[in-house]
Amino acid sequence: MIFIGIFTGIFLLDLLAKRCAEYRLKEKERRQLAGGAVILQRMENPGAALGILRSHAKTVLRGTVLLLSVLSVYFLYLVRRPGRTGEKLGLALLLGGGWNNWADRAIKGSVTDYISFRSRWKRISKIVFNLSDFAIFAGTALAALCHGRGRSGQ
């Protein structure tokens, strides 16, 4: 059941962070932290990752719920079986972040992003993330690396 707790924790933690960003930051306002290495700024993204498919928000919403539903059924199947700890952890992170972003999009029509990083590469500096994005990325990588490894993926 720890994996359900991780899923829930990611979902609730980012929900709280998004609401704090919405209440404390005006859209596109920038606040620097850690000597300017970390930037808090609120952006609303109606599209998918990196703003792609902005003009197809309903398609993104439908596609996301379909993908998350299939992965959730697999996760619930997997979580009841012994072993495969890495894959379970990866799916818990991926689904906690994925369902959080989906709920944001379903309720408000966009996903709230609120953190970016200063980088010498301007493209990287322009990307604004949220905690769910990090969980989705890390969870996808972990689940993919551990998928099908049986007990050795623990």
Protein backbone atom coordinates (compact mmCIF):
# COMPACT_ATOMS: atom_id res chain seq x y z
CA MET A 1 0.00 0.00 0.00
CA ILE A 2 3.02 2.29 0.17
CA PHE A 3 2.71 2.82 -3.58
CA ILE A 4 -0.86 4.10 -3.22
CA GLY A 5 0.50 6.48 -0.57
CA ILE A 6 3.20 7.72 -2.95
CA PHE A 7 0.60 8.25 -5.68
CA THR A 8 -1.63 10.18 -3.25
CA GLY A 9 1.28 12.17 -1.83
CA ILE A 10 2.44 13.39 -5.25
CA PHE A 11 -1.13 14.26 -6.23
CA LEU A 12 -1.86 16.22 -3.04
CA LEU A 13 1.55 17.90 -2.74
CA ASP A 14 1.39 19.32 -6.25
CA LEU A 15 -2.26 20.28 -5.80
CA LEU A 16 -1.20 22.36 -2.80
CA ALA A 17 1.81 23.83 -4.64
CA LYS A 18 -0.33 24.81 -7.63
CA ARG A 19 -2.92 26.50 -5.45
CA CYS A 20 -0.18 28.40 -3.59
CA ALA A 21 1.27 29.53 -6.92
CA GLU A 22 -2.18 30.65 -8.09
CA TYR A 23 -2.80 32.68 -4.95
CA ARG A 24 0.69 34.10 -4.43
CA LEU A 25 1.94 34.74 -7.98
CA LYS A 26 0.42 36.80 -10.72
CA GLU A 27 0.58 35.09 -14.08
CA LYS A 28 4.07 35.46 -15.58
CA GLU A 29 5.39 37.23 -12.45
CA ARG A 30 8.94 36.05 -11.70
CA ARG A 31 10.54 35.55 -8.28
CA GLN A 32 14.11 34.38 -8.01
CA LEU A 33 15.36 31.90 -5.42
CA ALA A 34 18.78 30.38 -4.74
CA GLY A 35 20.64 33.32 -6.25
CA GLY A 36 18.47 33.28 -9.34
CA ALA A 37 19.10 29.60 -10.17
CA VAL A 38 15.46 28.75 -9.42
CA ILE A 39 12.64 30.96 -10.64
CA LEU A 40 9.08 30.85 -9.40
CA GLN A 41 6.63 31.99 -12.04
CA ARG A 42 3.07 31.02 -12.77
CA MET A 43 2.14 29.95 -16.27
CA GLU A 44 -1.09 28.35 -17.45
CA ASN A 45 -0.66 25.66 -20.10
CA PRO A 46 -3.79 24.50 -21.93
CA GLY A 47 -1.80 22.05 -24.08
CA ALA A 48 0.39 19.05 -23.43
CA ALA A 49 4.03 19.09 -22.30
CA LEU A 50 5.99 22.14 -23.47
CA GLY A 51 2.77 23.74 -24.67
CA ILE A 52 2.32 21.47 -27.68
CA LEU A 53 -1.24 20.99 -28.95
CA ARG A 54 -2.38 24.23 -27.27
CA SER A 55 -5.18 24.61 -29.79
CA HIS A 56 -6.35 21.03 -29.19
CA ALA A 57 -6.97 21.11 -25.44
CA LYS A 58 -9.99 18.76 -25.60
CA THR A 59 -8.00 16.18 -27.54
CA VAL A 60 -5.20 16.40 -24.98
CA LEU A 61 -7.74 15.97 -22.16
CA ARG A 62 -9.35 12.90 -23.79
CA GLY A 63 -6.08 11.29 -24.80
CA THR A 64 -4.60 11.81 -21.37
CA VAL A 65 -7.55 10.28 -19.53
CA LEU A 66 -7.45 7.26 -21.82
CA LEU A 67 -3.73 6.69 -21.29
CA LEU A 68 -3.93 7.30 -17.52
CA SER A 69 -6.90 4.94 -17.20
CA VAL A 70 -5.07 2.09 -18.93
CA LEU A 71 -1.94 2.69 -16.84
CA SER A 72 -4.03 2.87 -13.65
CA VAL A 73 -5.64 -0.52 -14.32
CA TYR A 74 -2.18 -2.00 -14.90
CA PHE A 75 -0.85 -0.33 -11.74
CA LEU A 76 -3.71 -1.69 -9.62
CA TYR A 77 -3.04 -5.16 -11.04
CA LEU A 78 0.70 -4.86 -10.42
CA VAL A 79 0.48 -3.39 -6.92
CA ARG A 80 -1.27 -6.54 -5.68
CA ARG A 81 1.55 -8.80 -6.85
CA PRO A 82 4.86 -9.38 -5.08
CA GLY A 83 8.10 -7.87 -6.36
CA ARG A 84 8.64 -5.39 -9.19
CA THR A 85 9.15 -2.60 -6.68
CA GLY A 86 10.89 -0.27 -9.13
CA GLU A 87 8.11 -0.53 -11.67
CA LYS A 88 5.45 0.02 -9.00
CA LEU A 89 7.28 3.08 -7.68
CA GLY A 90 7.66 4.45 -11.20
CA LEU A 91 3.97 4.00 -11.94
CA ALA A 92 2.97 5.56 -8.61
CA LEU A 93 5.01 8.68 -9.46
CA LEU A 94 3.81 8.79 -13.07
CA LEU A 95 0.15 8.35 -12.15
CA GLY A 96 0.19 10.74 -9.18
CA GLY A 97 1.61 13.48 -11.41
CA GLY A 98 -0.43 12.51 -14.44
CA TRP A 99 -3.79 12.48 -12.67
CA ASN A 100 -2.95 15.77 -10.94
CA ASN A 101 -2.20 17.51 -14.24
CA TRP A 102 -5.28 15.92 -15.81
CA ALA A 103 -7.52 17.13 -12.95
CA ASP A 104 -6.10 20.64 -13.30
CA ARG A 105 -6.79 20.59 -17.03
CA ALA A 106 -10.29 19.11 -16.59
CA ILE A 107 -11.34 21.62 -13.92
CA LYS A 108 -9.70 24.83 -15.18
CA GLY A 109 -8.92 24.11 -18.83
CA SER A 110 -5.17 24.45 -18.24
CA VAL A 111 -2.34 23.14 -16.09
CA THR A 112 -0.61 25.48 -13.66
CA ASP A 113 3.18 25.43 -13.95
CA TYR A 114 5.27 27.39 -11.47
CA ILE A 115 8.99 26.59 -11.41
CA SER A 116 11.84 27.04 -13.87
CA PHE A 117 15.61 27.01 -13.74
CA ARG A 118 18.24 29.42 -14.99
CA SER A 119 20.41 27.77 -17.58
CA ARG A 120 22.95 28.84 -20.15
CA TRP A 121 20.63 27.21 -22.71
CA LYS A 122 17.76 29.62 -23.32
CA ARG A 123 15.37 26.86 -24.37
CA ILE A 124 15.79 25.18 -20.98
CA SER A 125 15.37 28.50 -19.14
CA LYS A 126 12.03 29.11 -20.90
CA ILE A 127 10.44 25.86 -19.73
CA VAL A 128 8.16 26.18 -16.70
CA PHE A 129 7.41 23.00 -14.74
CA ASN A 130 5.37 21.79 -11.80
CA LEU A 131 6.03 18.98 -9.32
CA SER A 132 3.80 16.63 -11.29
CA ASP A 133 5.98 17.11 -14.37
CA PHE A 134 9.04 15.97 -12.43
CA ALA A 135 7.12 12.98 -11.03
CA ILE A 136 5.88 12.02 -14.51
CA PHE A 137 9.38 12.23 -15.97
CA ALA A 138 11.07 10.30 -13.15
CA GLY A 139 8.24 7.77 -12.91
CA THR A 140 8.22 7.09 -16.64
CA ALA A 141 11.98 6.56 -16.68
CA LEU A 142 11.90 4.28 -13.62
CA ALA A 143 8.91 2.24 -14.82
CA ALA A 144 10.44 1.82 -18.29
CA LEU A 145 13.80 0.74 -16.86
CA CYS A 146 12.21 -1.74 -14.49
CA HIS A 147 9.33 -3.04 -16.65
CA GLY A 148 9.43 -6.76 -17.19
CA ARG A 149 12.46 -7.31 -15.01
CA GLY A 150 10.47 -9.40 -12.54
CA ARG A 151 11.96 -9.56 -9.09
CA SER A 152 15.28 -8.18 -10.36
CA GLY A 153 13.58 -4.80 -10.93
CA GLN A 154 13.07 -4.30 -7.20
